[in-house]
Amino acid sequence: MWYVVQTMAGREFAVQRQIEQFASDDVLDECFVPQYEVQKHLRGEWRTCTAVLFPGYLIVVSDRIAELQAQLKQIPQFASILNNDGTFIPLEPHEVAWIDAFTEKEHRVIGMSEGVIEGDQIVVLKGPLVNRTGWIRKINRRKRTAYLEIEMFGRTIQTKIGLGIVRKR
């Protein structure tokens, strides 16, 4: 099952390394920080970088979550598995499918999309947002990002992923 671990924003990778260090291999199947690719203009050229998809959260995959939670208490930084009155809440199947559709094990990074604007419509030509323009709530052409509204962690959240608009028709 997939579970969400909450931590301080900006400390996701440090907590991931500590979880991988303290958790035993038979308890932890996978631990990752979901990311997305985005292009940034640095020193006169466009470079592809990665950014955290859900700041303050990382994902652990385990079938023995109670044992994993006990091992997480050894971590010096704040890391808590999301729960409801002590009952750990796994990600819903559609939430797991959403992350799994765009990423793969050992590389949990959502790729960059590319599109055009035709009139007042966005047409995505390639990348993970092809045929998914309904998720886009807003775009920032200058920062090459699309702001999405999705159901995740039991609520509607806003996040962003990379979307380069190559031209406007």
C-alpha atoms as a PDB file:
ATOM      1  CA  MET A   1       0.000   0.000   0.000  1.00  0.00           C
ATOM      2  CA  TRP A   2       1.077   3.588  -0.634  1.00  0.00           C
ATOM      3  CA  TYR A   3       1.074   6.056   2.272  1.00  0.00           C
ATOM      4  CA  VAL A   4       1.789   9.762   2.554  1.00  0.00           C
ATOM      5  CA  VAL A   5       4.439  11.030   4.947  1.00  0.00           C
ATOM      6  CA  GLN A   6       4.147  14.651   5.968  1.00  0.00           C
ATOM      7  CA  THR A   7       7.271  16.663   6.740  1.00  0.00           C
ATOM      8  CA  MET A   8       8.486  20.244   6.540  1.00  0.00           C
ATOM      9  CA  ALA A   9       8.485  21.762   3.047  1.00  0.00           C
ATOM     10  CA  GLY A  10      12.001  21.914   1.689  1.00  0.00           C
ATOM     11  CA  ARG A  11      13.162  18.952   3.819  1.00  0.00           C
ATOM     12  CA  GLU A  12      11.567  16.184   1.731  1.00  0.00           C
ATOM     13  CA  PHE A  13      14.832  14.749   0.344  1.00  0.00           C
ATOM     14  CA  ALA A  14      16.600  14.847   3.713  1.00  0.00           C
ATOM     15  CA  VAL A  15      13.687  12.967   5.286  1.00  0.00           C
ATOM     16  CA  GLN A  16      13.659  10.503   2.362  1.00  0.00           C
ATOM     17  CA  ARG A  17      17.347   9.703   2.945  1.00  0.00           C
ATOM     18  CA  GLN A  18      16.719   9.232   6.676  1.00  0.00           C
ATOM     19  CA  ILE A  19      13.723   6.962   6.080  1.00  0.00           C
ATOM     20  CA  GLU A  20      15.787   4.845   3.704  1.00  0.00           C
ATOM     21  CA  GLN A  21      18.563   4.725   6.322  1.00  0.00           C
ATOM     22  CA  PHE A  22      16.436   3.851   9.367  1.00  0.00           C
ATOM     23  CA  ALA A  23      13.724   1.674   7.799  1.00  0.00           C
ATOM     24  CA  SER A  24      14.599  -1.951   7.175  1.00  0.00           C
ATOM     25  CA  ASP A  25      14.359  -3.337   3.647  1.00  0.00           C
ATOM     26  CA  ASP A  26      11.732  -5.921   4.591  1.00  0.00           C
ATOM     27  CA  VAL A  27       9.399  -3.156   5.854  1.00  0.00           C
ATOM     28  CA  LEU A  28       9.974  -0.435   3.227  1.00  0.00           C
ATOM     29  CA  ASP A  29       9.351  -1.292  -0.443  1.00  0.00           C
ATOM     30  CA  GLU A  30       9.852   2.220  -1.834  1.00  0.00           C
ATOM     31  CA  CYS A  31      10.241   5.785  -0.595  1.00  0.00           C
ATOM     32  CA  PHE A  32      10.139   8.733  -2.988  1.00  0.00           C
ATOM     33  CA  VAL A  33       9.462  12.432  -3.364  1.00  0.00           C
ATOM     34  CA  PRO A  34       7.172  12.987  -6.392  1.00  0.00           C
ATOM     35  CA  GLN A  35       8.726  15.560  -8.724  1.00  0.00           C
ATOM     36  CA  TYR A  36       8.068  17.237 -12.056  1.00  0.00           C
ATOM     37  CA  GLU A  37      10.291  18.589 -14.805  1.00  0.00           C
ATOM     38  CA  VAL A  38      10.206  22.281 -15.580  1.00  0.00           C
ATOM     39  CA  GLN A  39      12.328  24.467 -17.805  1.00  0.00           C
ATOM     40  CA  LYS A  40      14.044  27.459 -16.232  1.00  0.00           C
ATOM     41  CA  HIS A  41      15.899  30.260 -17.926  1.00  0.00           C
ATOM     42  CA  LEU A  42      19.355  30.283 -16.332  1.00  0.00           C
ATOM     43  CA  ARG A  43      22.297  32.338 -17.583  1.00  0.00           C
ATOM     44  CA  GLY A  44      20.753  32.969 -20.973  1.00  0.00           C
ATOM     45  CA  GLU A  45      19.617  29.442 -21.791  1.00  0.00           C
ATOM     46  CA  TRP A  46      16.688  27.155 -21.004  1.00  0.00           C
ATOM     47  CA  ARG A  47      17.564  24.222 -18.763  1.00  0.00           C
ATOM     48  CA  THR A  48      15.390  21.345 -17.635  1.00  0.00           C
ATOM     49  CA  CYS A  49      15.232  21.136 -13.830  1.00  0.00           C
ATOM     50  CA  THR A  50      13.100  19.190 -11.368  1.00  0.00           C
ATOM     51  CA  ALA A  51      10.872  20.516  -8.600  1.00  0.00           C
ATOM     52  CA  VAL A  52       8.855  18.888  -5.810  1.00  0.00           C
ATOM     53  CA  LEU A  53       5.304  18.068  -6.927  1.00  0.00           C
ATOM     54  CA  PHE A  54       3.740  18.100  -3.434  1.00  0.00           C
ATOM     55  CA  PRO A  55       5.841  20.312  -1.115  1.00  0.00           C
ATOM     56  CA  GLY A  56       5.926  18.910   2.417  1.00  0.00           C
ATOM     57  CA  TYR A  57       4.973  15.365   1.409  1.00  0.00           C
ATOM     58  CA  LEU A  58       6.669  12.166   0.315  1.00  0.00           C
ATOM     59  CA  ILE A  59       5.333   8.697  -0.438  1.00  0.00           C
ATOM     60  CA  VAL A  60       6.252   5.395   1.196  1.00  0.00           C
ATOM     61  CA  VAL A  61       5.215   1.986  -0.109  1.00  0.00           C
ATOM     62  CA  SER A  62       4.877  -0.697   2.535  1.00  0.00           C
ATOM     63  CA  ASP A  63       2.680  -3.626   3.500  1.00  0.00           C
ATOM     64  CA  ARG A  64       3.815  -3.363   7.148  1.00  0.00           C
ATOM     65  CA  ILE A  65       2.927   0.239   7.942  1.00  0.00           C
ATOM     66  CA  ALA A  66       2.724  -0.087  11.746  1.00  0.00           C
ATOM     67  CA  GLU A  67       6.310  -1.376  11.846  1.00  0.00           C
ATOM     68  CA  LEU A  68       7.405   1.397   9.486  1.00  0.00           C
ATOM     69  CA  GLN A  69       5.779   4.035  11.704  1.00  0.00           C
ATOM     70  CA  ALA A  70       7.691   2.662  14.702  1.00  0.00           C
ATOM     71  CA  GLN A  71      10.945   2.913  12.740  1.00  0.00           C
ATOM     72  CA  LEU A  72      10.094   6.471  11.633  1.00  0.00           C
ATOM     73  CA  LYS A  73      10.109   7.562  15.281  1.00  0.00           C
ATOM     74  CA  GLN A  74      13.916   7.160  15.186  1.00  0.00           C
ATOM     75  CA  ILE A  75      14.209   9.915  12.572  1.00  0.00           C
ATOM     76  CA  PRO A  76      15.402  13.170  14.144  1.00  0.00           C
ATOM     77  CA  GLN A  77      13.372  15.296  11.715  1.00  0.00           C
ATOM     78  CA  PHE A  78       9.590  15.626  11.686  1.00  0.00           C
ATOM     79  CA  ALA A  79       8.052  12.838   9.635  1.00  0.00           C
ATOM     80  CA  SER A  80       4.547  11.548  10.242  1.00  0.00           C
ATOM     81  CA  ILE A  81       2.390   9.179   8.226  1.00  0.00           C
ATOM     82  CA  LEU A  82      -0.989  10.761   7.557  1.00  0.00           C
ATOM     83  CA  ASN A  83      -3.597   9.135   9.733  1.00  0.00           C
ATOM     84  CA  ASN A  84      -7.106   9.601  11.067  1.00  0.00           C
ATOM     85  CA  ASP A  85      -7.263   9.083  14.843  1.00  0.00           C
ATOM     86  CA  GLY A  86      -4.325   6.661  14.730  1.00  0.00           C
ATOM     87  CA  THR A  87      -5.545   4.731  11.679  1.00  0.00           C
ATOM     88  CA  PHE A  88      -3.105   5.093   8.801  1.00  0.00           C
ATOM     89  CA  ILE A  89      -4.768   6.203   5.591  1.00  0.00           C
ATOM     90  CA  PRO A  90      -3.411   4.659   2.378  1.00  0.00           C
ATOM     91  CA  LEU A  91      -3.660   6.532  -0.896  1.00  0.00           C
ATOM     92  CA  GLU A  92      -6.815   5.778  -2.861  1.00  0.00           C
ATOM     93  CA  PRO A  93      -6.376   3.564  -5.949  1.00  0.00           C
ATOM     94  CA  HIS A  94      -7.064   6.512  -8.289  1.00  0.00           C
ATOM     95  CA  GLU A  95      -4.382   8.586  -6.500  1.00  0.00           C
ATOM     96  CA  VAL A  96      -1.825   5.788  -6.883  1.00  0.00           C
ATOM     97  CA  ALA A  97      -2.860   5.392 -10.534  1.00  0.00           C
ATOM     98  CA  TRP A  98      -2.413   9.153 -11.116  1.00  0.00           C
ATOM     99  CA  ILE A  99       1.197   9.092  -9.875  1.00  0.00           C
ATOM    100  CA  ASP A 100       1.932   5.733 -11.517  1.00  0.00           C
ATOM    101  CA  ALA A 101       0.569   6.894 -14.887  1.00  0.00           C
ATOM    102  CA  PHE A 102       3.254   9.564 -15.264  1.00  0.00           C
ATOM    103  CA  THR A 103       6.197   8.054 -13.376  1.00  0.00           C
ATOM    104  CA  GLU A 104       7.917   4.714 -12.891  1.00  0.00           C
ATOM    105  CA  LYS A 105       9.648   3.047  -9.974  1.00  0.00           C
ATOM    106  CA  GLU A 106      13.149   4.466  -9.373  1.00  0.00           C
ATOM    107  CA  HIS A 107      12.244   7.558 -11.456  1.00  0.00           C
ATOM    108  CA  ARG A 108       9.260   9.357  -9.942  1.00  0.00           C
ATOM    109  CA  VAL A 109       9.496  12.505 -12.082  1.00  0.00           C
ATOM    110  CA  ILE A 110       6.627  13.759 -14.274  1.00  0.00           C
ATOM    111  CA  GLY A 111       8.011  14.848 -17.637  1.00  0.00           C
ATOM    112  CA  MET A 112       7.600  18.194 -19.339  1.00  0.00           C
ATOM    113  CA  SER A 113       4.596  18.755 -21.625  1.00  0.00           C
ATOM    114  CA  GLU A 114       4.552  20.909 -24.729  1.00  0.00           C
ATOM    115  CA  GLY A 115       1.610  22.671 -26.314  1.00  0.00           C
ATOM    116  CA  VAL A 116       0.165  25.594 -28.251  1.00  0.00           C
ATOM    117  CA  ILE A 117      -2.591  28.102 -27.614  1.00  0.00           C
ATOM    118  CA  GLU A 118      -5.272  28.227 -30.312  1.00  0.00           C
ATOM    119  CA  GLY A 119      -7.578  31.144 -29.647  1.00  0.00           C
ATOM    120  CA  ASP A 120      -8.382  30.733 -25.965  1.00  0.00           C
ATOM    121  CA  GLN A 121      -7.850  26.953 -25.884  1.00  0.00           C
ATOM    122  CA  ILE A 122      -4.705  25.099 -24.834  1.00  0.00           C
ATOM    123  CA  VAL A 123      -3.762  22.170 -27.070  1.00  0.00           C
ATOM    124  CA  VAL A 124      -1.124  19.882 -25.570  1.00  0.00           C
ATOM    125  CA  LEU A 125       0.971  18.260 -28.302  1.00  0.00           C
ATOM    126  CA  LYS A 126       3.218  15.966 -26.270  1.00  0.00           C
ATOM    127  CA  GLY A 127       3.918  14.926 -22.701  1.00  0.00           C
ATOM    128  CA  PRO A 128       1.793  13.751 -19.780  1.00  0.00           C
ATOM    129  CA  LEU A 129      -0.885  16.429 -20.236  1.00  0.00           C
ATOM    130  CA  VAL A 130      -1.956  15.162 -23.693  1.00  0.00           C
ATOM    131  CA  ASN A 131      -5.756  14.673 -23.560  1.00  0.00           C
ATOM    132  CA  ARG A 132      -5.802  16.010 -19.992  1.00  0.00           C
ATOM    133  CA  THR A 133      -6.274  19.742 -20.532  1.00  0.00           C
ATOM    134  CA  GLY A 134      -9.355  19.629 -18.291  1.00  0.00           C
ATOM    135  CA  TRP A 135      -7.029  19.416 -15.283  1.00  0.00           C
ATOM    136  CA  ILE A 136      -5.359  22.729 -16.155  1.00  0.00           C
ATOM    137  CA  ARG A 137      -6.742  25.664 -14.201  1.00  0.00           C
ATOM    138  CA  LYS A 138      -4.139  28.244 -15.166  1.00  0.00           C
ATOM    139  CA  ILE A 139      -0.857  28.487 -17.056  1.00  0.00           C
ATOM    140  CA  ASN A 140       2.182  30.687 -16.600  1.00  0.00           C
ATOM    141  CA  ARG A 141       3.841  30.937 -20.017  1.00  0.00           C
ATOM    142  CA  ARG A 142       6.853  32.838 -18.659  1.00  0.00           C
ATOM    143  CA  LYS A 143       7.644  30.160 -16.036  1.00  0.00           C
ATOM    144  CA  ARG A 144       6.518  27.333 -18.350  1.00  0.00           C
ATOM    145  CA  THR A 145       4.181  25.786 -15.796  1.00  0.00           C
ATOM    146  CA  ALA A 146       0.588  24.594 -15.708  1.00  0.00           C
ATOM    147  CA  TYR A 147      -1.377  24.802 -12.473  1.00  0.00           C
ATOM    148  CA  LEU A 148      -3.539  21.733 -11.929  1.00  0.00           C
ATOM    149  CA  GLU A 149      -6.416  21.013  -9.592  1.00  0.00           C
ATOM    150  CA  ILE A 150      -6.573  17.318  -8.658  1.00  0.00           C
ATOM    151  CA  GLU A 151      -7.984  15.022  -5.992  1.00  0.00           C
ATOM    152  CA  MET A 152      -5.062  13.848  -3.841  1.00  0.00           C
ATOM    153  CA  PHE A 153      -4.554  12.978  -0.161  1.00  0.00           C
ATOM    154  CA  GLY A 154      -8.315  12.935   0.384  1.00  0.00           C
ATOM    155  CA  ARG A 155      -8.886  16.532  -0.725  1.00  0.00           C
ATOM    156  CA  THR A 156      -8.688  18.787  -3.778  1.00  0.00           C
ATOM    157  CA  ILE A 157      -5.239  20.294  -4.077  1.00  0.00           C
ATOM    158  CA  GLN A 158      -3.502  22.616  -6.472  1.00  0.00           C
ATOM    159  CA  THR A 159      -0.105  21.684  -7.839  1.00  0.00           C
ATOM    160  CA  LYS A 160       1.918  22.557 -10.890  1.00  0.00           C
ATOM    161  CA  ILE A 161       3.828  20.698 -13.577  1.00  0.00           C
ATOM    162  CA  GLY A 162       5.925  21.741 -16.562  1.00  0.00           C
ATOM    163  CA  LEU A 163       4.145  22.966 -19.696  1.00  0.00           C
ATOM    164  CA  GLY A 164       6.013  24.817 -22.413  1.00  0.00           C
ATOM    165  CA  ILE A 165       3.831  26.777 -24.838  1.00  0.00           C
ATOM    166  CA  VAL A 166       5.742  26.800 -28.119  1.00  0.00           C
ATOM    167  CA  ARG A 167       3.463  29.234 -29.940  1.00  0.00           C
ATOM    168  CA  LYS A 168       0.180  31.068 -29.887  1.00  0.00           C
ATOM    169  CA  ARG A 169      -2.052  30.785 -32.960  1.00  0.00           C
END
